[in-house]
């Protein structure tokens, strides 16, 4: 067994707070993606959904908070210094962690991409008004509801599907301190030699990175968010290299992952398509009228998505967004 594999097992307790029964694939809810009508048309026409870089997303803390706070806390954690047994070993551990942190910040963070959803109830044909306001064209867009039971990614996939955890700033800092305490204990327990400190430093940064990607401030809690996350560093077979692209928007050029919803050898099952994944499409409050419905039905026919026409429904709550 290589040192890397041995420490995967030895430092597995760092991941014990993730309960498999609460997330994918044990839990497979309906997931709504709120978007504009223009983007809906592009999704249908091109069989394509766009993943965004978290550094460009609406919660400015996103990736930065968990990783930056973790790095800062590591530098001043007294228990970690004691666990290392000497100033020299502690400095070496910090140096390894800092090198990996800079590599993430300067290189790898550029090609991390996220596709966001809101957990959706089976009998809900309206969605959440806050989501319509924030992401669904202020009510003039659509919610594409995906059935996550149809997400069938093969082992070793570079895509991670999970729900978001909501914590206050204080609670997130408490979580980081607890992980550093545990990391220090594991360092002593497994008597990690100096030559292997780089391995465990990288493992710690990985835990902070996943925490950052799937944790948000509790102020966003009503969104009930789930995410599919792609990281280029996990795509060792280069399955999605050809889908890495960009978008010219109000903020200039932004990196994008333009994911083609189709069978991808080594990644998905053979029947992957929008027809198999989409459970329903809800037109938003301000476009839920007979004319808009008929026009959207025509759009689906023009985009060769006639099978989705019966899944198209209109918003029913008597409410007008302002």
C-alpha atoms as a PDB file:
ATOM      1  CA  UNK A   1       0.000   0.000   0.000  1.00  0.00           C
ATOM      2  CA  UNK A   2       1.364   3.410  -0.954  1.00  0.00           C
ATOM      3  CA  UNK A   3       1.701   6.180   1.620  1.00  0.00           C
ATOM      4  CA  UNK A   4      -1.044   8.149  -0.119  1.00  0.00           C
ATOM      5  CA  UNK A   5      -3.554   5.300   0.150  1.00  0.00           C
ATOM      6  CA  UNK A   6      -2.594   4.581   3.753  1.00  0.00           C
ATOM      7  CA  UNK A   7      -3.327   8.166   4.776  1.00  0.00           C
ATOM      8  CA  UNK A   8      -6.642   8.214   2.930  1.00  0.00           C
ATOM      9  CA  UNK A   9      -7.799   5.642   5.458  1.00  0.00           C
ATOM     10  CA  UNK A  10      -5.926   7.081   8.431  1.00  0.00           C
ATOM     11  CA  UNK A  11      -7.324  10.592   7.966  1.00  0.00           C
ATOM     12  CA  UNK A  12     -10.824   9.484   6.927  1.00  0.00           C
ATOM     13  CA  UNK A  13     -12.288  10.831  10.233  1.00  0.00           C
ATOM     14  CA  UNK A  14     -11.909  14.330   8.761  1.00  0.00           C
ATOM     15  CA  UNK A  15     -14.891  13.407   6.570  1.00  0.00           C
ATOM     16  CA  UNK A  16     -17.050  11.770   9.231  1.00  0.00           C
ATOM     17  CA  UNK A  17     -19.449  14.713   9.482  1.00  0.00           C
ATOM     18  CA  UNK A  18     -20.660  13.960   5.941  1.00  0.00           C
ATOM     19  CA  UNK A  19     -23.534  11.520   6.354  1.00  0.00           C
ATOM     20  CA  UNK A  20     -24.117   9.439   3.237  1.00  0.00           C
ATOM     21  CA  UNK A  21     -27.807   8.936   3.993  1.00  0.00           C
ATOM     22  CA  UNK A  22     -28.445  12.688   3.789  1.00  0.00           C
ATOM     23  CA  UNK A  23     -26.992  13.228   0.350  1.00  0.00           C
ATOM     24  CA  UNK A  24     -26.591  11.817  -3.150  1.00  0.00           C
ATOM     25  CA  UNK A  25     -26.854   8.996  -4.163  1.00  0.00           C
ATOM     26  CA  UNK A  26     -28.746   7.749  -1.085  1.00  0.00           C
ATOM     27  CA  UNK A  27     -31.038  10.774  -1.379  1.00  0.00           C
ATOM     28  CA  UNK A  28     -32.287  11.601  -4.892  1.00  0.00           C
ATOM     29  CA  UNK A  29     -34.714  14.544  -4.818  1.00  0.00           C
ATOM     30  CA  UNK A  30     -36.177  16.590  -7.622  1.00  0.00           C
ATOM     31  CA  UNK A  31     -33.883  19.542  -8.308  1.00  0.00           C
ATOM     32  CA  UNK A  32     -35.080  22.797  -9.887  1.00  0.00           C
ATOM     33  CA  UNK A  33     -32.778  25.008 -11.920  1.00  0.00           C
ATOM     34  CA  UNK A  34     -34.257  28.514 -12.196  1.00  0.00           C
ATOM     35  CA  UNK A  35     -33.255  30.495 -15.252  1.00  0.00           C
ATOM     36  CA  UNK A  36     -34.367  33.000 -17.887  1.00  0.00           C
ATOM     37  CA  UNK A  37     -36.503  32.087 -20.891  1.00  0.00           C
ATOM     38  CA  UNK A  38     -33.568  32.906 -23.160  1.00  0.00           C
ATOM     39  CA  UNK A  39     -31.336  30.482 -21.286  1.00  0.00           C
ATOM     40  CA  UNK A  40     -34.083  27.835 -21.304  1.00  0.00           C
ATOM     41  CA  UNK A  41     -34.183  28.081 -25.098  1.00  0.00           C
ATOM     42  CA  UNK A  42     -30.397  27.702 -25.313  1.00  0.00           C
ATOM     43  CA  UNK A  43     -30.454  24.667 -23.008  1.00  0.00           C
ATOM     44  CA  UNK A  44     -33.054  22.986 -25.184  1.00  0.00           C
ATOM     45  CA  UNK A  45     -31.521  23.969 -28.527  1.00  0.00           C
ATOM     46  CA  UNK A  46     -27.972  22.972 -27.649  1.00  0.00           C
ATOM     47  CA  UNK A  47     -28.575  20.137 -25.131  1.00  0.00           C
ATOM     48  CA  UNK A  48     -26.248  22.086 -22.896  1.00  0.00           C
ATOM     49  CA  UNK A  49     -26.168  23.431 -19.343  1.00  0.00           C
ATOM     50  CA  UNK A  50     -23.520  25.871 -18.168  1.00  0.00           C
ATOM     51  CA  UNK A  51     -21.588  25.447 -14.936  1.00  0.00           C
ATOM     52  CA  UNK A  52     -20.230  28.649 -13.391  1.00  0.00           C
ATOM     53  CA  UNK A  53     -17.014  29.337 -11.538  1.00  0.00           C
ATOM     54  CA  UNK A  54     -17.860  29.915  -7.835  1.00  0.00           C
ATOM     55  CA  UNK A  55     -15.601  32.967  -7.710  1.00  0.00           C
ATOM     56  CA  UNK A  56     -18.106  34.701 -10.017  1.00  0.00           C
ATOM     57  CA  UNK A  57     -21.267  33.652  -8.138  1.00  0.00           C
ATOM     58  CA  UNK A  58     -23.685  35.801  -6.123  1.00  0.00           C
ATOM     59  CA  UNK A  59     -22.399  34.809  -2.671  1.00  0.00           C
ATOM     60  CA  UNK A  60     -19.040  36.567  -2.762  1.00  0.00           C
ATOM     61  CA  UNK A  61     -17.715  34.327   0.018  1.00  0.00           C
ATOM     62  CA  UNK A  62     -18.386  31.028  -1.812  1.00  0.00           C
ATOM     63  CA  UNK A  63     -15.044  29.225  -2.293  1.00  0.00           C
ATOM     64  CA  UNK A  64     -12.933  31.927  -0.681  1.00  0.00           C
ATOM     65  CA  UNK A  65     -14.269  31.756   2.866  1.00  0.00           C
ATOM     66  CA  UNK A  66     -13.732  28.105   3.746  1.00  0.00           C
ATOM     67  CA  UNK A  67     -10.304  27.827   2.155  1.00  0.00           C
ATOM     68  CA  UNK A  68      -8.951  31.213   3.256  1.00  0.00           C
ATOM     69  CA  UNK A  69     -10.245  30.856   6.808  1.00  0.00           C
ATOM     70  CA  UNK A  70      -8.814  27.351   7.003  1.00  0.00           C
ATOM     71  CA  UNK A  71      -5.410  28.529   5.840  1.00  0.00           C
ATOM     72  CA  UNK A  72      -5.382  31.423   8.301  1.00  0.00           C
ATOM     73  CA  UNK A  73      -6.484  29.233  11.216  1.00  0.00           C
ATOM     74  CA  UNK A  74      -3.815  26.625  10.462  1.00  0.00           C
ATOM     75  CA  UNK A  75      -1.032  29.187  10.835  1.00  0.00           C
ATOM     76  CA  UNK A  76      -1.994  30.051  14.426  1.00  0.00           C
ATOM     77  CA  UNK A  77      -3.314  26.699  15.671  1.00  0.00           C
ATOM     78  CA  UNK A  78      -1.258  25.949  18.790  1.00  0.00           C
ATOM     79  CA  UNK A  79      -2.318  22.295  19.023  1.00  0.00           C
ATOM     80  CA  UNK A  80      -1.013  21.617  15.540  1.00  0.00           C
ATOM     81  CA  UNK A  81       2.381  23.022  16.401  1.00  0.00           C
ATOM     82  CA  UNK A  82       2.500  20.803  19.468  1.00  0.00           C
ATOM     83  CA  UNK A  83       1.425  17.760  17.450  1.00  0.00           C
ATOM     84  CA  UNK A  84       4.280  18.277  15.004  1.00  0.00           C
ATOM     85  CA  UNK A  85       6.762  17.886  17.851  1.00  0.00           C
ATOM     86  CA  UNK A  86       9.233  20.507  16.660  1.00  0.00           C
ATOM     87  CA  UNK A  87       9.353  23.917  15.062  1.00  0.00           C
ATOM     88  CA  UNK A  88      11.075  22.443  12.029  1.00  0.00           C
ATOM     89  CA  UNK A  89       8.307  19.888  11.373  1.00  0.00           C
ATOM     90  CA  UNK A  90       5.622  22.479  11.980  1.00  0.00           C
ATOM     91  CA  UNK A  91       7.240  24.911   9.538  1.00  0.00           C
ATOM     92  CA  UNK A  92       7.510  22.150   6.960  1.00  0.00           C
ATOM     93  CA  UNK A  93       3.825  21.218   7.343  1.00  0.00           C
ATOM     94  CA  UNK A  94       2.805  24.871   7.004  1.00  0.00           C
ATOM     95  CA  UNK A  95       5.039  25.276   3.972  1.00  0.00           C
ATOM     96  CA  UNK A  96       3.522  22.229   2.248  1.00  0.00           C
ATOM     97  CA  UNK A  97      -0.014  23.403   3.004  1.00  0.00           C
ATOM     98  CA  UNK A  98       0.783  26.917   1.810  1.00  0.00           C
ATOM     99  CA  UNK A  99       2.261  25.606  -1.448  1.00  0.00           C
ATOM    100  CA  UNK A 100      -0.877  23.563  -2.168  1.00  0.00           C
ATOM    101  CA  UNK A 101      -3.060  26.501  -1.144  1.00  0.00           C
ATOM    102  CA  UNK A 102      -1.267  28.813  -3.586  1.00  0.00           C
ATOM    103  CA  UNK A 103      -1.556  26.206  -6.327  1.00  0.00           C
ATOM    104  CA  UNK A 104      -5.311  26.026  -5.700  1.00  0.00           C
ATOM    105  CA  UNK A 105      -5.661  29.794  -5.622  1.00  0.00           C
ATOM    106  CA  UNK A 106      -3.448  30.561  -8.618  1.00  0.00           C
ATOM    107  CA  UNK A 107      -4.292  27.625 -10.886  1.00  0.00           C
ATOM    108  CA  UNK A 108      -6.915  25.083  -9.887  1.00  0.00           C
ATOM    109  CA  UNK A 109      -9.648  27.466  -8.664  1.00  0.00           C
ATOM    110  CA  UNK A 110      -9.975  28.786 -12.211  1.00  0.00           C
ATOM    111  CA  UNK A 111     -11.325  25.431 -13.380  1.00  0.00           C
ATOM    112  CA  UNK A 112     -13.779  24.621 -10.599  1.00  0.00           C
ATOM    113  CA  UNK A 113     -17.367  24.819 -11.839  1.00  0.00           C
ATOM    114  CA  UNK A 114     -20.737  24.624 -10.137  1.00  0.00           C
ATOM    115  CA  UNK A 115     -24.287  24.014 -11.387  1.00  0.00           C
ATOM    116  CA  UNK A 116     -26.880  25.078  -8.811  1.00  0.00           C
ATOM    117  CA  UNK A 117     -30.345  23.717  -8.070  1.00  0.00           C
ATOM    118  CA  UNK A 118     -33.056  24.131  -5.461  1.00  0.00           C
ATOM    119  CA  UNK A 119     -34.564  21.018  -3.889  1.00  0.00           C
ATOM    120  CA  UNK A 120     -38.098  20.692  -5.238  1.00  0.00           C
ATOM    121  CA  UNK A 121     -41.121  18.863  -3.810  1.00  0.00           C
ATOM    122  CA  UNK A 122     -42.975  16.366  -5.999  1.00  0.00           C
ATOM    123  CA  UNK A 123     -46.367  18.059  -5.633  1.00  0.00           C
ATOM    124  CA  UNK A 124     -45.052  21.615  -6.074  1.00  0.00           C
ATOM    125  CA  UNK A 125     -46.005  23.111  -9.439  1.00  0.00           C
ATOM    126  CA  UNK A 126     -45.008  26.663  -8.537  1.00  0.00           C
ATOM    127  CA  UNK A 127     -41.550  26.662  -6.953  1.00  0.00           C
ATOM    128  CA  UNK A 128     -40.214  29.266  -4.534  1.00  0.00           C
ATOM    129  CA  UNK A 129     -40.983  32.941  -5.025  1.00  0.00           C
ATOM    130  CA  UNK A 130     -37.552  33.910  -3.684  1.00  0.00           C
ATOM    131  CA  UNK A 131     -35.938  31.713  -6.329  1.00  0.00           C
ATOM    132  CA  UNK A 132     -38.065  33.251  -9.080  1.00  0.00           C
ATOM    133  CA  UNK A 133     -36.982  36.706  -7.928  1.00  0.00           C
ATOM    134  CA  UNK A 134     -33.318  35.859  -7.616  1.00  0.00           C
ATOM    135  CA  UNK A 135     -32.684  33.499 -10.503  1.00  0.00           C
ATOM    136  CA  UNK A 136     -35.819  33.077 -12.632  1.00  0.00           C
ATOM    137  CA  UNK A 137     -35.897  36.367 -14.471  1.00  0.00           C
ATOM    138  CA  UNK A 138     -37.907  38.037 -11.678  1.00  0.00           C
ATOM    139  CA  UNK A 139     -40.758  35.680 -12.468  1.00  0.00           C
ATOM    140  CA  UNK A 140     -40.386  35.907 -16.243  1.00  0.00           C
ATOM    141  CA  UNK A 141     -38.235  32.803 -16.587  1.00  0.00           C
ATOM    142  CA  UNK A 142     -38.593  29.075 -16.110  1.00  0.00           C
ATOM    143  CA  UNK A 143     -37.686  26.366 -13.617  1.00  0.00           C
ATOM    144  CA  UNK A 144     -36.284  23.232 -15.222  1.00  0.00           C
ATOM    145  CA  UNK A 145     -36.936  20.435 -12.741  1.00  0.00           C
ATOM    146  CA  UNK A 146     -34.494  17.532 -12.989  1.00  0.00           C
ATOM    147  CA  UNK A 147     -34.998  14.095 -11.475  1.00  0.00           C
ATOM    148  CA  UNK A 148     -31.734  13.307  -9.705  1.00  0.00           C
ATOM    149  CA  UNK A 149     -32.703   9.621  -9.701  1.00  0.00           C
ATOM    150  CA  UNK A 150     -31.770   9.741 -13.391  1.00  0.00           C
ATOM    151  CA  UNK A 151     -28.256  11.061 -12.651  1.00  0.00           C
ATOM    152  CA  UNK A 152     -26.100   8.022 -13.328  1.00  0.00           C
ATOM    153  CA  UNK A 153     -22.436   8.859 -13.183  1.00  0.00           C
ATOM    154  CA  UNK A 154     -19.821   6.132 -13.263  1.00  0.00           C
ATOM    155  CA  UNK A 155     -17.286   5.471 -10.507  1.00  0.00           C
ATOM    156  CA  UNK A 156     -14.435   7.938 -10.549  1.00  0.00           C
ATOM    157  CA  UNK A 157     -16.568  10.683 -12.065  1.00  0.00           C
ATOM    158  CA  UNK A 158     -15.115  14.214 -11.782  1.00  0.00           C
ATOM    159  CA  UNK A 159     -18.671  15.394 -10.944  1.00  0.00           C
ATOM    160  CA  UNK A 160     -19.735  15.600  -7.285  1.00  0.00           C
ATOM    161  CA  UNK A 161     -23.464  15.839  -6.483  1.00  0.00           C
ATOM    162  CA  UNK A 162     -24.382  17.002  -2.960  1.00  0.00           C
ATOM    163  CA  UNK A 163     -26.618  19.284  -0.949  1.00  0.00           C
ATOM    164  CA  UNK A 164     -25.377  22.548   0.537  1.00  0.00           C
ATOM    165  CA  UNK A 165     -24.990  22.995   4.310  1.00  0.00           C
ATOM    166  CA  UNK A 166     -25.898  26.389   5.775  1.00  0.00           C
ATOM    167  CA  UNK A 167     -23.915  27.790   8.697  1.00  0.00           C
ATOM    168  CA  UNK A 168     -23.288  31.162  10.262  1.00  0.00           C
ATOM    169  CA  UNK A 169     -19.840  32.718   9.977  1.00  0.00           C
ATOM    170  CA  UNK A 170     -19.135  31.805  13.600  1.00  0.00           C
ATOM    171  CA  UNK A 171     -20.254  28.210  13.077  1.00  0.00           C
ATOM    172  CA  UNK A 172     -18.049  27.836  10.023  1.00  0.00           C
ATOM    173  CA  UNK A 173     -15.059  29.055  11.984  1.00  0.00           C
ATOM    174  CA  UNK A 174     -15.915  26.627  14.774  1.00  0.00           C
ATOM    175  CA  UNK A 175     -16.039  23.802  12.209  1.00  0.00           C
ATOM    176  CA  UNK A 176     -12.589  24.737  10.916  1.00  0.00           C
ATOM    177  CA  UNK A 177     -11.116  24.787  14.424  1.00  0.00           C
ATOM    178  CA  UNK A 178     -12.633  21.376  15.168  1.00  0.00           C
ATOM    179  CA  UNK A 179     -11.100  19.930  11.989  1.00  0.00           C
ATOM    180  CA  UNK A 180      -7.706  21.324  12.872  1.00  0.00           C
ATOM    181  CA  UNK A 181      -8.003  19.817  16.362  1.00  0.00           C
ATOM    182  CA  UNK A 182      -8.845  16.455  14.813  1.00  0.00           C
ATOM    183  CA  UNK A 183      -6.058  16.765  12.248  1.00  0.00           C
ATOM    184  CA  UNK A 184      -3.534  17.424  15.026  1.00  0.00           C
ATOM    185  CA  UNK A 185      -4.725  14.348  16.947  1.00  0.00           C
ATOM    186  CA  UNK A 186      -4.472  12.169  13.825  1.00  0.00           C
ATOM    187  CA  UNK A 187      -0.990  13.481  13.123  1.00  0.00           C
ATOM    188  CA  UNK A 188       0.124  12.219  16.536  1.00  0.00           C
ATOM    189  CA  UNK A 189      -1.884   8.999  16.446  1.00  0.00           C
ATOM    190  CA  UNK A 190      -0.440   7.846  13.137  1.00  0.00           C
ATOM    191  CA  UNK A 191       3.070   9.173  13.779  1.00  0.00           C
ATOM    192  CA  UNK A 192       3.282  10.730  10.351  1.00  0.00           C
ATOM    193  CA  UNK A 193       6.934  10.934   9.333  1.00  0.00           C
ATOM    194  CA  UNK A 194       8.387  14.203   8.103  1.00  0.00           C
ATOM    195  CA  UNK A 195       8.735  12.782   4.583  1.00  0.00           C
ATOM    196  CA  UNK A 196       4.954  12.308   4.386  1.00  0.00           C
ATOM    197  CA  UNK A 197       3.821  15.651   5.757  1.00  0.00           C
ATOM    198  CA  UNK A 198       3.074  16.892   2.226  1.00  0.00           C
ATOM    199  CA  UNK A 199       0.526  14.087   1.767  1.00  0.00           C
ATOM    200  CA  UNK A 200      -1.508  14.931   4.850  1.00  0.00           C
ATOM    201  CA  UNK A 201      -1.212  18.686   4.212  1.00  0.00           C
ATOM    202  CA  UNK A 202      -2.812  18.144   0.812  1.00  0.00           C
ATOM    203  CA  UNK A 203      -5.532  15.995   2.398  1.00  0.00           C
ATOM    204  CA  UNK A 204      -6.365  18.765   4.852  1.00  0.00           C
ATOM    205  CA  UNK A 205      -6.624  21.353   2.086  1.00  0.00           C
ATOM    206  CA  UNK A 206      -8.910  19.002   0.148  1.00  0.00           C
ATOM    207  CA  UNK A 207     -11.235  18.768   3.146  1.00  0.00           C
ATOM    208  CA  UNK A 208     -11.339  22.566   3.430  1.00  0.00           C
ATOM    209  CA  UNK A 209     -12.001  22.865  -0.315  1.00  0.00           C
ATOM    210  CA  UNK A 210     -14.977  20.502  -0.291  1.00  0.00           C
ATOM    211  CA  UNK A 211     -16.307  22.239   2.821  1.00  0.00           C
ATOM    212  CA  UNK A 212     -16.070  25.581   1.024  1.00  0.00           C
ATOM    213  CA  UNK A 213     -17.791  24.276  -2.111  1.00  0.00           C
ATOM    214  CA  UNK A 214     -20.772  22.808  -0.282  1.00  0.00           C
ATOM    215  CA  UNK A 215     -21.264  25.316   2.542  1.00  0.00           C
ATOM    216  CA  UNK A 216     -22.963  28.720   2.429  1.00  0.00           C
ATOM    217  CA  UNK A 217     -23.969  31.399   4.880  1.00  0.00           C
ATOM    218  CA  UNK A 218     -27.224  30.611   6.663  1.00  0.00           C
ATOM    219  CA  UNK A 219     -28.789  33.716   5.107  1.00  0.00           C
ATOM    220  CA  UNK A 220     -29.226  31.660   1.915  1.00  0.00           C
ATOM    221  CA  UNK A 221     -30.880  28.735   3.719  1.00  0.00           C
ATOM    222  CA  UNK A 222     -34.317  29.094   2.124  1.00  0.00           C
ATOM    223  CA  UNK A 223     -32.795  28.238  -1.265  1.00  0.00           C
ATOM    224  CA  UNK A 224     -32.353  24.585  -0.177  1.00  0.00           C
ATOM    225  CA  UNK A 225     -29.502  24.367  -2.634  1.00  0.00           C
ATOM    226  CA  UNK A 226     -27.935  21.308  -4.211  1.00  0.00           C
ATOM    227  CA  UNK A 227     -24.898  21.429  -6.449  1.00  0.00           C
ATOM    228  CA  UNK A 228     -23.078  19.484  -9.094  1.00  0.00           C
ATOM    229  CA  UNK A 229     -19.408  20.423  -8.863  1.00  0.00           C
ATOM    230  CA  UNK A 230     -16.750  19.752 -11.499  1.00  0.00           C
ATOM    231  CA  UNK A 231     -13.051  20.080 -10.753  1.00  0.00           C
ATOM    232  CA  UNK A 232     -10.516  19.759 -13.516  1.00  0.00           C
ATOM    233  CA  UNK A 233      -7.969  18.220 -11.131  1.00  0.00           C
ATOM    234  CA  UNK A 234     -10.358  15.271 -10.622  1.00  0.00           C
ATOM    235  CA  UNK A 235     -10.782  14.719 -14.363  1.00  0.00           C
ATOM    236  CA  UNK A 236      -7.678  12.579 -14.858  1.00  0.00           C
ATOM    237  CA  UNK A 237      -9.138  11.019 -18.022  1.00  0.00           C
ATOM    238  CA  UNK A 238      -9.873  14.461 -19.507  1.00  0.00           C
ATOM    239  CA  UNK A 239     -13.496  13.512 -20.154  1.00  0.00           C
ATOM    240  CA  UNK A 240     -14.771  17.086 -20.215  1.00  0.00           C
ATOM    241  CA  UNK A 241     -11.788  19.019 -21.570  1.00  0.00           C
ATOM    242  CA  UNK A 242     -13.663  19.860 -24.754  1.00  0.00           C
ATOM    243  CA  UNK A 243     -16.485  21.479 -22.768  1.00  0.00           C
ATOM    244  CA  UNK A 244     -14.295  24.041 -21.006  1.00  0.00           C
ATOM    245  CA  UNK A 245     -15.174  27.435 -22.419  1.00  0.00           C
ATOM    246  CA  UNK A 246     -16.048  31.016 -21.622  1.00  0.00           C
ATOM    247  CA  UNK A 247     -18.828  33.593 -21.668  1.00  0.00           C
ATOM    248  CA  UNK A 248     -18.692  37.293 -22.446  1.00  0.00           C
ATOM    249  CA  UNK A 249     -21.047  38.975 -19.980  1.00  0.00           C
ATOM    250  CA  UNK A 250     -21.588  42.193 -18.014  1.00  0.00           C
ATOM    251  CA  UNK A 251     -18.502  41.439 -15.910  1.00  0.00           C
ATOM    252  CA  UNK A 252     -16.327  40.675 -18.929  1.00  0.00           C
ATOM    253  CA  UNK A 253     -14.998  37.237 -19.750  1.00  0.00           C
ATOM    254  CA  UNK A 254     -15.948  34.444 -17.369  1.00  0.00           C
ATOM    255  CA  UNK A 255     -14.810  30.811 -17.509  1.00  0.00           C
ATOM    256  CA  UNK A 256     -17.603  28.285 -18.038  1.00  0.00           C
ATOM    257  CA  UNK A 257     -18.064  24.548 -18.273  1.00  0.00           C
ATOM    258  CA  UNK A 258     -20.549  24.069 -21.124  1.00  0.00           C
ATOM    259  CA  UNK A 259     -21.763  20.588 -20.255  1.00  0.00           C
ATOM    260  CA  UNK A 260     -23.317  18.641 -23.110  1.00  0.00           C
ATOM    261  CA  UNK A 261     -26.239  16.558 -21.818  1.00  0.00           C
ATOM    262  CA  UNK A 262     -25.549  13.396 -23.774  1.00  0.00           C
ATOM    263  CA  UNK A 263     -23.946   9.991 -23.246  1.00  0.00           C
ATOM    264  CA  UNK A 264     -20.272  10.452 -22.392  1.00  0.00           C
ATOM    265  CA  UNK A 265     -18.125   7.331 -22.449  1.00  0.00           C
ATOM    266  CA  UNK A 266     -16.527   6.744 -19.076  1.00  0.00           C
ATOM    267  CA  UNK A 267     -18.831   9.212 -17.317  1.00  0.00           C
ATOM    268  CA  UNK A 268     -22.564   8.644 -17.887  1.00  0.00           C
ATOM    269  CA  UNK A 269     -25.055   5.949 -18.782  1.00  0.00           C
ATOM    270  CA  UNK A 270     -25.976   5.395 -22.431  1.00  0.00           C
ATOM    271  CA  UNK A 271     -29.395   7.098 -22.293  1.00  0.00           C
ATOM    272  CA  UNK A 272     -28.296  10.412 -20.780  1.00  0.00           C
ATOM    273  CA  UNK A 273     -30.380  13.206 -22.322  1.00  0.00           C
ATOM    274  CA  UNK A 274     -32.615  16.101 -21.379  1.00  0.00           C
ATOM    275  CA  UNK A 275     -35.615  13.925 -22.172  1.00  0.00           C
ATOM    276  CA  UNK A 276     -34.579  11.386 -19.524  1.00  0.00           C
ATOM    277  CA  UNK A 277     -33.437  13.933 -16.921  1.00  0.00           C
ATOM    278  CA  UNK A 278     -36.152  16.621 -17.060  1.00  0.00           C
ATOM    279  CA  UNK A 279     -39.162  15.825 -14.871  1.00  0.00           C
ATOM    280  CA  UNK A 280     -41.077  19.050 -15.636  1.00  0.00           C
ATOM    281  CA  UNK A 281     -40.607  22.624 -16.796  1.00  0.00           C
ATOM    282  CA  UNK A 282     -42.461  25.374 -14.925  1.00  0.00           C
ATOM    283  CA  UNK A 283     -43.091  28.716 -16.598  1.00  0.00           C
ATOM    284  CA  UNK A 284     -42.718  31.598 -14.146  1.00  0.00           C
ATOM    285  CA  UNK A 285     -45.468  33.824 -12.715  1.00  0.00           C
ATOM    286  CA  UNK A 286     -45.278  36.610 -15.284  1.00  0.00           C
ATOM    287  CA  UNK A 287     -45.158  34.314 -18.329  1.00  0.00           C
ATOM    288  CA  UNK A 288     -47.798  31.804 -17.229  1.00  0.00           C
ATOM    289  CA  UNK A 289     -50.434  32.699 -19.780  1.00  0.00           C
ATOM    290  CA  UNK A 290     -51.843  30.839 -22.802  1.00  0.00           C
ATOM    291  CA  UNK A 291     -49.770  32.767 -25.339  1.00  0.00           C
ATOM    292  CA  UNK A 292     -46.474  32.193 -23.523  1.00  0.00           C
ATOM    293  CA  UNK A 293     -47.325  28.539 -23.008  1.00  0.00           C
ATOM    294  CA  UNK A 294     -48.085  28.061 -26.709  1.00  0.00           C
ATOM    295  CA  UNK A 295     -44.902  29.876 -27.719  1.00  0.00           C
ATOM    296  CA  UNK A 296     -42.785  27.758 -25.361  1.00  0.00           C
ATOM    297  CA  UNK A 297     -44.382  24.593 -26.717  1.00  0.00           C
ATOM    298  CA  UNK A 298     -43.436  25.705 -30.230  1.00  0.00           C
ATOM    299  CA  UNK A 299     -39.902  26.415 -29.071  1.00  0.00           C
ATOM    300  CA  UNK A 300     -39.613  22.876 -27.713  1.00  0.00           C
ATOM    301  CA  UNK A 301     -40.792  21.449 -31.034  1.00  0.00           C
ATOM    302  CA  UNK A 302     -38.261  23.587 -32.948  1.00  0.00           C
ATOM    303  CA  UNK A 303     -35.518  22.367 -30.601  1.00  0.00           C
ATOM    304  CA  UNK A 304     -36.460  18.707 -31.225  1.00  0.00           C
ATOM    305  CA  UNK A 305     -37.781  18.389 -27.671  1.00  0.00           C
ATOM    306  CA  UNK A 306     -41.388  17.435 -28.447  1.00  0.00           C
ATOM    307  CA  UNK A 307     -41.195  14.774 -25.711  1.00  0.00           C
ATOM    308  CA  UNK A 308     -40.915  17.566 -23.152  1.00  0.00           C
ATOM    309  CA  UNK A 309     -44.066  19.399 -24.244  1.00  0.00           C
ATOM    310  CA  UNK A 310     -46.333  17.317 -21.934  1.00  0.00           C
ATOM    311  CA  UNK A 311     -43.967  18.172 -19.068  1.00  0.00           C
ATOM    312  CA  UNK A 312     -44.441  21.921 -19.548  1.00  0.00           C
ATOM    313  CA  UNK A 313     -46.681  23.535 -16.918  1.00  0.00           C
ATOM    314  CA  UNK A 314     -47.566  27.046 -15.812  1.00  0.00           C
ATOM    315  CA  UNK A 315     -47.287  28.768 -12.438  1.00  0.00           C
ATOM    316  CA  UNK A 316     -50.601  28.551 -10.539  1.00  0.00           C
ATOM    317  CA  UNK A 317     -50.294  30.723  -7.424  1.00  0.00           C
ATOM    318  CA  UNK A 318     -52.282  33.985  -7.762  1.00  0.00           C
ATOM    319  CA  UNK A 319     -49.342  36.262  -7.111  1.00  0.00           C
ATOM    320  CA  UNK A 320     -47.709  39.050  -9.055  1.00  0.00           C
ATOM    321  CA  UNK A 321     -44.020  39.708  -8.618  1.00  0.00           C
ATOM    322  CA  UNK A 322     -42.870  43.343  -8.495  1.00  0.00           C
END
